[in-house]
Protein backbone atom coordinates (compact mmCIF):
# COMPACT_ATOMS: atom_id res chain seq x y z
CA MET A 1 49.61 37.48 94.16
CA PRO A 2 49.57 37.35 90.34
CA ASP A 3 48.09 40.23 88.37
CA ILE A 4 44.29 40.46 88.77
CA VAL A 5 43.65 39.82 85.06
CA ILE A 6 44.93 36.24 85.46
CA ALA A 7 42.04 35.55 87.85
CA PHE A 8 39.56 36.31 85.07
CA PHE A 9 41.17 33.71 82.81
CA ALA A 10 40.95 31.17 85.64
CA LEU A 11 37.29 32.09 86.16
CA GLY A 12 36.50 31.55 82.48
CA LEU A 13 38.38 28.24 82.50
CA LEU A 14 36.45 27.06 85.56
CA ALA A 15 33.14 28.13 84.00
CA GLY A 16 33.94 26.12 80.90
CA LEU A 17 34.99 23.05 82.85
CA ILE A 18 31.79 22.94 84.90
CA LYS A 19 29.76 23.58 81.72
CA SER A 20 28.29 26.85 82.98
CA ASP A 21 26.04 28.84 80.64
CA LEU A 22 28.40 31.80 81.09
CA LYS A 23 29.52 33.15 77.72
CA VAL A 24 30.74 36.34 76.15
CA PRO A 25 28.54 37.18 73.13
CA LYS A 26 30.38 36.86 69.82
CA ALA A 27 29.79 40.52 68.93
CA THR A 28 31.19 41.56 72.32
CA TYR A 29 34.26 39.36 71.86
CA GLU A 30 34.87 40.82 68.40
CA THR A 31 34.62 44.32 69.85
CA LEU A 32 36.99 43.41 72.70
CA THR A 33 39.52 42.02 70.22
CA ILE A 34 39.41 45.15 68.08
CA LEU A 35 39.72 47.49 71.08
CA LEU A 36 42.48 45.42 72.68
CA MET A 37 44.66 45.30 69.55
CA LEU A 38 44.03 48.96 68.76
CA THR A 39 44.91 49.96 72.33
CA LEU A 40 48.11 47.89 72.22
CA GLY A 41 49.10 49.66 69.01
CA LEU A 42 48.27 53.09 70.44
CA LYS A 43 50.25 52.37 73.63
CA GLY A 44 53.24 51.42 71.51
CA GLY A 45 52.97 54.50 69.32
CA MET A 46 52.60 56.83 72.30
CA ALA A 47 55.70 55.30 73.89
CA LEU A 48 57.62 55.97 70.68
CA HIS A 49 56.41 59.59 70.35
CA GLY A 50 59.49 61.79 70.50
CA GLU A 51 61.72 58.75 71.10
CA THR A 52 62.32 57.51 67.56
CA HIS A 53 65.87 58.89 67.60
CA THR A 54 66.75 56.26 70.22
CA LEU A 55 65.53 53.31 68.14
CA GLN A 56 68.12 50.59 67.70
CA ILE A 57 67.68 49.34 64.14
CA SER A 58 69.94 46.34 64.74
CA GLU A 59 67.71 45.35 67.67
CA LEU A 60 64.54 45.51 65.54
CA ILE A 61 66.21 43.51 62.76
CA ALA A 62 67.19 40.84 65.29
CA ILE A 63 63.58 40.64 66.52
CA ILE A 64 62.30 40.26 62.95
CA ALA A 65 64.91 37.57 62.27
CA LEU A 66 63.67 35.67 65.32
CA GLY A 67 60.21 35.61 63.74
CA PHE A 68 61.65 33.74 60.75
CA ILE A 69 64.03 31.46 62.67
CA ILE A 70 61.51 30.00 65.15
CA PRO A 71 59.01 28.57 62.62
CA LEU A 72 61.72 27.31 60.26
CA THR A 73 63.34 25.49 63.22
CA LEU A 74 60.05 24.07 64.46
CA TYR A 75 58.85 22.78 61.09
CA PRO A 76 61.25 19.77 60.82
CA ILE A 77 60.60 18.94 64.49
CA LEU A 78 56.85 18.92 63.88
CA ARG A 79 57.33 16.75 60.79
CA LYS A 80 59.84 14.21 62.10
CA VAL A 81 59.33 14.14 65.87
CA ILE A 82 55.68 15.07 66.31
CA ARG A 83 54.89 13.20 63.04
CA LEU A 84 52.44 15.67 61.58
CA GLU A 85 51.49 15.82 57.92
CA GLN A 86 53.11 18.54 55.84
CA LYS A 87 50.22 21.00 55.86
CA GLU A 88 49.63 20.49 59.59
CA ALA A 89 53.31 20.98 60.39
CA ILE A 90 53.33 24.20 58.36
CA SER A 91 50.18 25.40 60.11
CA ILE A 92 51.46 24.66 63.63
CA ALA A 93 54.90 26.16 62.87
CA ALA A 94 53.20 29.34 61.62
CA HIS A 95 51.09 29.55 64.79
CA TYR A 96 54.12 29.06 67.08
CA GLY A 97 56.39 31.34 65.07
CA SER A 98 53.75 34.05 65.24
CA VAL A 99 52.73 35.47 68.60
CA SER A 100 49.76 35.91 70.92
CA ALA A 101 48.27 39.38 71.36
CA GLY A 102 46.62 38.14 74.57
CA THR A 103 49.93 36.98 76.02
CA PHE A 104 51.51 40.28 75.00
CA ALA A 105 48.79 42.21 76.83
CA VAL A 106 49.22 40.05 79.95
CA VAL A 107 53.00 40.37 80.03
CA LEU A 108 52.77 44.15 79.55
CA ALA A 109 50.39 44.27 82.51
CA MET A 110 52.88 42.19 84.52
CA VAL A 111 55.75 44.51 83.62
CA ASP A 112 53.70 47.54 84.65
CA TYR A 113 52.56 45.81 87.87
CA SER A 114 56.15 44.88 88.80
CA GLY A 115 57.62 48.26 87.76
CA LEU A 116 60.22 46.66 85.48
CA PRO A 117 62.21 48.91 83.11
CA LEU A 118 61.00 48.85 79.52
CA ARG A 119 62.38 50.32 76.31
CA PRO A 120 59.88 52.40 74.29
CA GLU A 121 60.28 50.20 71.21
CA THR A 122 59.34 47.08 73.18
CA THR A 123 55.74 47.65 72.20
CA LEU A 124 56.75 47.11 68.56
CA TYR A 125 57.79 43.52 69.27
CA LEU A 126 54.24 42.24 68.79
CA VAL A 127 54.00 43.73 65.29
CA LEU A 128 57.53 42.66 64.36
CA LEU A 129 57.03 39.05 65.46
CA GLU A 130 53.47 38.48 64.26
CA LEU A 131 54.09 38.65 60.51
CA PRO A 132 57.41 36.90 59.62
CA ALA A 133 56.29 33.40 60.65
CA ILE A 134 53.03 33.62 58.72
CA ILE A 135 54.77 34.94 55.61
CA ILE A 136 57.64 32.42 55.60
CA MET A 137 55.43 29.40 56.30
CA LEU A 138 52.86 30.34 53.66
CA TRP A 139 55.76 30.78 51.25
CA LEU A 140 57.11 27.35 52.27
CA HIS A 141 53.67 25.85 51.67
CA ARG A 142 53.54 27.34 48.18
CA HIS A 143 57.10 26.19 47.49
CA LEU A 144 56.49 22.60 48.58
CA GLU A 145 53.18 22.45 46.72
CA ALA A 146 54.91 23.72 43.57
CA LYS A 147 57.57 20.99 43.89
CA ASN A 148 54.86 18.35 44.11
CA ASN A 149 52.77 19.96 41.37
CA PRO A 150 54.85 21.87 38.76
CA GLN A 151 51.71 23.57 37.45
CA LEU A 152 51.66 25.64 40.65
CA ALA A 153 55.24 26.83 40.17
CA THR A 154 54.16 30.08 38.56
CA ALA A 155 51.66 30.95 41.31
CA SER A 156 52.14 34.48 42.58
CA HIS A 157 53.69 34.88 46.02
CA GLY A 158 52.40 38.44 46.23
CA SER A 159 49.12 37.18 47.63
CA VAL A 160 51.01 35.70 50.58
CA LEU A 161 52.17 39.17 51.59
CA HIS A 162 48.73 40.60 50.95
CA GLU A 163 47.05 37.97 53.14
CA ALA A 164 49.47 38.65 55.99
CA LEU A 165 49.72 42.42 55.77
CA THR A 166 46.01 43.15 55.41
CA SER A 167 44.76 41.00 58.28
CA ARG A 168 42.66 42.75 60.90
CA GLY A 169 45.24 42.41 63.64
CA VAL A 170 48.06 43.85 61.57
CA VAL A 171 45.97 46.80 60.34
CA LEU A 172 44.85 47.65 63.89
CA LEU A 173 48.28 47.22 65.48
CA CYS A 174 50.22 49.10 62.80
CA GLY A 175 47.55 51.77 62.47
CA GLY A 176 47.47 52.23 66.24
CA VAL A 177 51.26 52.57 66.40
CA VAL A 178 51.27 55.23 63.68
CA ILE A 179 48.40 57.20 65.28
CA GLY A 180 49.93 57.00 68.76
CA TRP A 181 53.34 58.02 67.41
CA LEU A 182 51.93 61.00 65.51
CA TYR A 183 49.69 62.36 68.26
CA GLY A 184 51.58 61.42 71.42
CA THR A 185 50.22 61.69 74.94
CA GLU A 186 48.76 65.18 74.51
CA GLY A 187 47.02 64.44 71.22
CA MET A 188 45.61 61.18 72.58
CA ALA A 189 44.32 62.82 75.77
CA PRO A 190 40.61 62.73 74.72
CA LEU A 191 40.79 58.93 74.26
CA THR A 192 43.18 58.08 77.08
CA PRO A 193 40.56 57.72 79.87
CA ILE A 194 38.51 55.24 77.82
CA LEU A 195 41.16 53.23 75.98
CA MET A 196 44.25 53.47 78.18
CA GLY A 197 42.40 53.78 81.46
CA GLY A 198 40.16 50.87 80.55
CA PHE A 199 42.94 48.66 79.20
CA LYS A 200 42.93 46.24 82.13
CA THR A 201 39.14 46.00 82.02
CA LEU A 202 39.30 45.11 78.31
CA LEU A 203 42.04 42.58 79.02
CA ALA A 204 40.13 41.02 81.93
CA LEU A 205 36.99 40.49 79.81
CA PHE A 206 39.09 39.19 76.91
CA LEU A 207 40.81 36.67 79.19
CA LEU A 208 37.45 35.61 80.61
CA GLU A 209 36.40 34.59 77.09
CA MET A 210 39.81 32.99 76.47
CA GLY A 211 39.31 30.84 79.57
CA ILE A 212 35.89 29.68 78.34
CA SER A 213 37.27 28.98 74.85
CA THR A 214 40.23 27.06 76.28
CA ALA A 215 37.90 24.73 78.17
CA LYS A 216 35.92 24.11 74.98
CA VAL A 217 38.90 23.12 72.82
CA CYS A 218 40.68 21.15 75.55
CA PHE A 219 38.01 18.87 76.90
CA PRO A 220 37.79 16.08 76.14
CA LEU A 221 41.46 15.90 75.22
CA PRO A 222 42.25 14.04 71.97
CA TYR A 223 44.77 11.67 73.52
CA LYS A 224 45.74 10.24 70.12
CA GLN A 225 47.47 13.60 69.55
CA TRP A 226 49.61 13.12 72.65
CA ARG A 227 52.80 14.12 70.83
CA LEU A 228 51.32 17.47 69.83
CA LEU A 229 49.89 18.00 73.32
CA ALA A 230 53.32 17.34 74.83
CA PHE A 231 54.91 19.72 72.32
CA ALA A 232 52.40 22.46 73.16
CA ALA A 233 53.12 22.07 76.89
CA VAL A 234 56.93 21.94 76.64
CA ALA A 235 57.62 24.33 73.74
CA PRO A 236 56.83 27.55 75.68
CA PHE A 237 59.58 26.91 78.22
CA VAL A 238 62.15 26.14 75.51
CA LEU A 239 61.13 29.07 73.29
CA ALA A 240 61.13 31.43 76.27
CA TRP A 241 64.86 30.76 76.67
CA VAL A 242 65.36 31.77 73.04
CA GLY A 243 63.75 35.12 73.81
CA ILE A 244 65.66 35.48 77.08
CA GLY A 245 68.96 34.67 75.37
CA LEU A 246 68.35 37.20 72.60
CA GLY A 247 67.23 39.79 75.15
CA PHE A 248 70.45 39.51 77.15
CA MET A 249 72.50 39.43 73.94
CA LEU A 250 70.89 42.74 72.92
CA ASP A 251 71.42 44.10 76.47
CA LEU A 252 67.73 44.87 76.92
CA PRO A 253 66.28 45.98 80.27
CA SER A 254 64.54 43.26 82.30
CA GLY A 255 61.01 44.36 81.37
CA SER A 256 61.79 44.20 77.65
CA ILE A 257 63.43 40.78 78.08
CA LEU A 258 60.32 39.48 79.86
CA VAL A 259 58.11 40.74 77.03
CA LEU A 260 60.39 39.13 74.44
CA ALA A 261 60.45 35.85 76.40
CA GLY A 262 56.66 35.84 76.72
CA LEU A 263 56.17 36.51 73.01
CA SER A 264 58.76 33.91 71.96
CA ALA A 265 56.99 31.35 74.15
CA SER A 266 53.53 32.19 72.85
CA ALA A 267 51.52 31.01 69.86
CA SER A 268 49.05 32.93 67.73
CA TYR A 269 45.33 32.19 67.92
CA ILE A 270 44.02 35.29 66.11
CA ALA A 271 46.21 36.33 63.16
CA ALA A 272 47.70 32.96 62.19
CA PRO A 273 44.44 30.96 62.12
CA ALA A 274 42.84 33.52 59.79
CA ALA A 275 45.83 33.59 57.44
CA ILE A 276 46.33 29.80 57.40
CA LYS A 277 42.63 29.11 56.91
CA ALA A 278 42.58 31.41 53.87
CA ALA A 279 45.79 30.06 52.33
CA ILE A 280 45.57 26.35 53.29
CA PRO A 281 41.83 25.56 53.46
CA ASP A 282 42.37 21.86 54.17
CA ALA A 283 44.66 22.46 57.16
CA ASN A 284 43.14 21.40 60.48
CA ILE A 285 42.80 24.76 62.26
CA GLY A 286 41.13 23.04 65.21
CA LEU A 287 44.36 21.13 65.84
CA ALA A 288 46.35 24.36 65.82
CA MET A 289 43.86 26.02 68.17
CA LEU A 290 44.02 23.06 70.53
CA ALA A 291 47.79 23.45 70.78
CA SER A 292 48.07 27.25 70.81
CA LEU A 293 44.95 28.28 72.73
CA GLY A 294 44.13 25.07 74.57
CA ILE A 295 47.59 24.24 75.92
CA THR A 296 50.24 26.89 75.29
CA PHE A 297 48.20 29.97 76.21
CA PRO A 298 47.14 28.75 79.70
CA VAL A 299 50.60 27.28 80.33
CA ASN A 300 52.14 30.69 79.61
CA VAL A 301 49.59 32.77 81.48
CA LEU A 302 49.23 30.59 84.57
CA ILE A 303 52.76 29.16 84.92
CA GLY A 304 55.19 30.43 82.33
CA LEU A 305 55.25 34.21 82.62
CA PRO A 306 55.87 34.30 86.41
CA LEU A 307 58.57 31.66 85.96
CA TYR A 308 60.24 33.57 83.10
CA GLN A 309 60.35 36.65 85.34
CA ILE A 310 62.14 34.65 88.06
CA TRP A 311 64.65 33.29 85.52
CA ILE A 312 65.38 36.79 84.19
CA GLU A 313 65.80 38.27 87.67
CA LYS A 314 68.22 35.50 88.68
CA LEU A 315 70.27 35.88 85.48
CA ALA A 316 70.38 39.66 85.92
CA LEU A 317 71.94 39.22 89.39
CA ASN A 318 74.77 37.04 88.04
């Protein structure tokens, strides 16, 4: 049986499809998002407490590089094969180069459920992969706009970094990592029963809302965007192999490889939409959400992650 949290996503999806009046209040969803991202950061920091001497800098640099390579590779494909306009291709590439906090939470739960070995720094992957794609694609947008309009050539690129680094998700994740790292398991003991003990409950309720939201953005399907829909369904399986390949190249344990595969295959629907909407107001965020949340997220959660685990286990035996 898959992890129990997956059932809550399926329940939310079913509720949305049958047009039930079930909904998670917006304020509750916002609170769940904050608590989930903060808890993920704290879990990562606690895992690193007393273990920083074992950090492999070359490994972290390779993870960061992946965050730049994926969107820059996807952009020409989205332009020439999927036939999107420039701003839409930049937006989608940023979403798919960045990563999904929800997918990260699910794959961590899977790793824990399966008892797979995990390096302490694995919990940093979410932070390391979330920012590069947003930064590089916003920079590319500014660069291309400046080429088309020389008057924009002197526009400051500092705001790009500011937009990416000060987003809610980044502040919570990075802040949580620092707090967890400083205080460790003993220092975090007063909060552990609520945040760590309730992590799966938070994730289950979050996925319930994600299921409802997925149904809303997916139905009825805009069939005229069939190329993008096909991309969103196929891309996770291709990108997962990028993560798997890098994981084996870095000689990571199977749990860390599964996390890296899941993140590589995912697409952002929290950090990237906020950053793109602020920097490219005329980009169609609904189109990006359709692809990332409507197609890629359920494909990963319901089909992809269990399949990636099978692939990794078979490769590890060879």
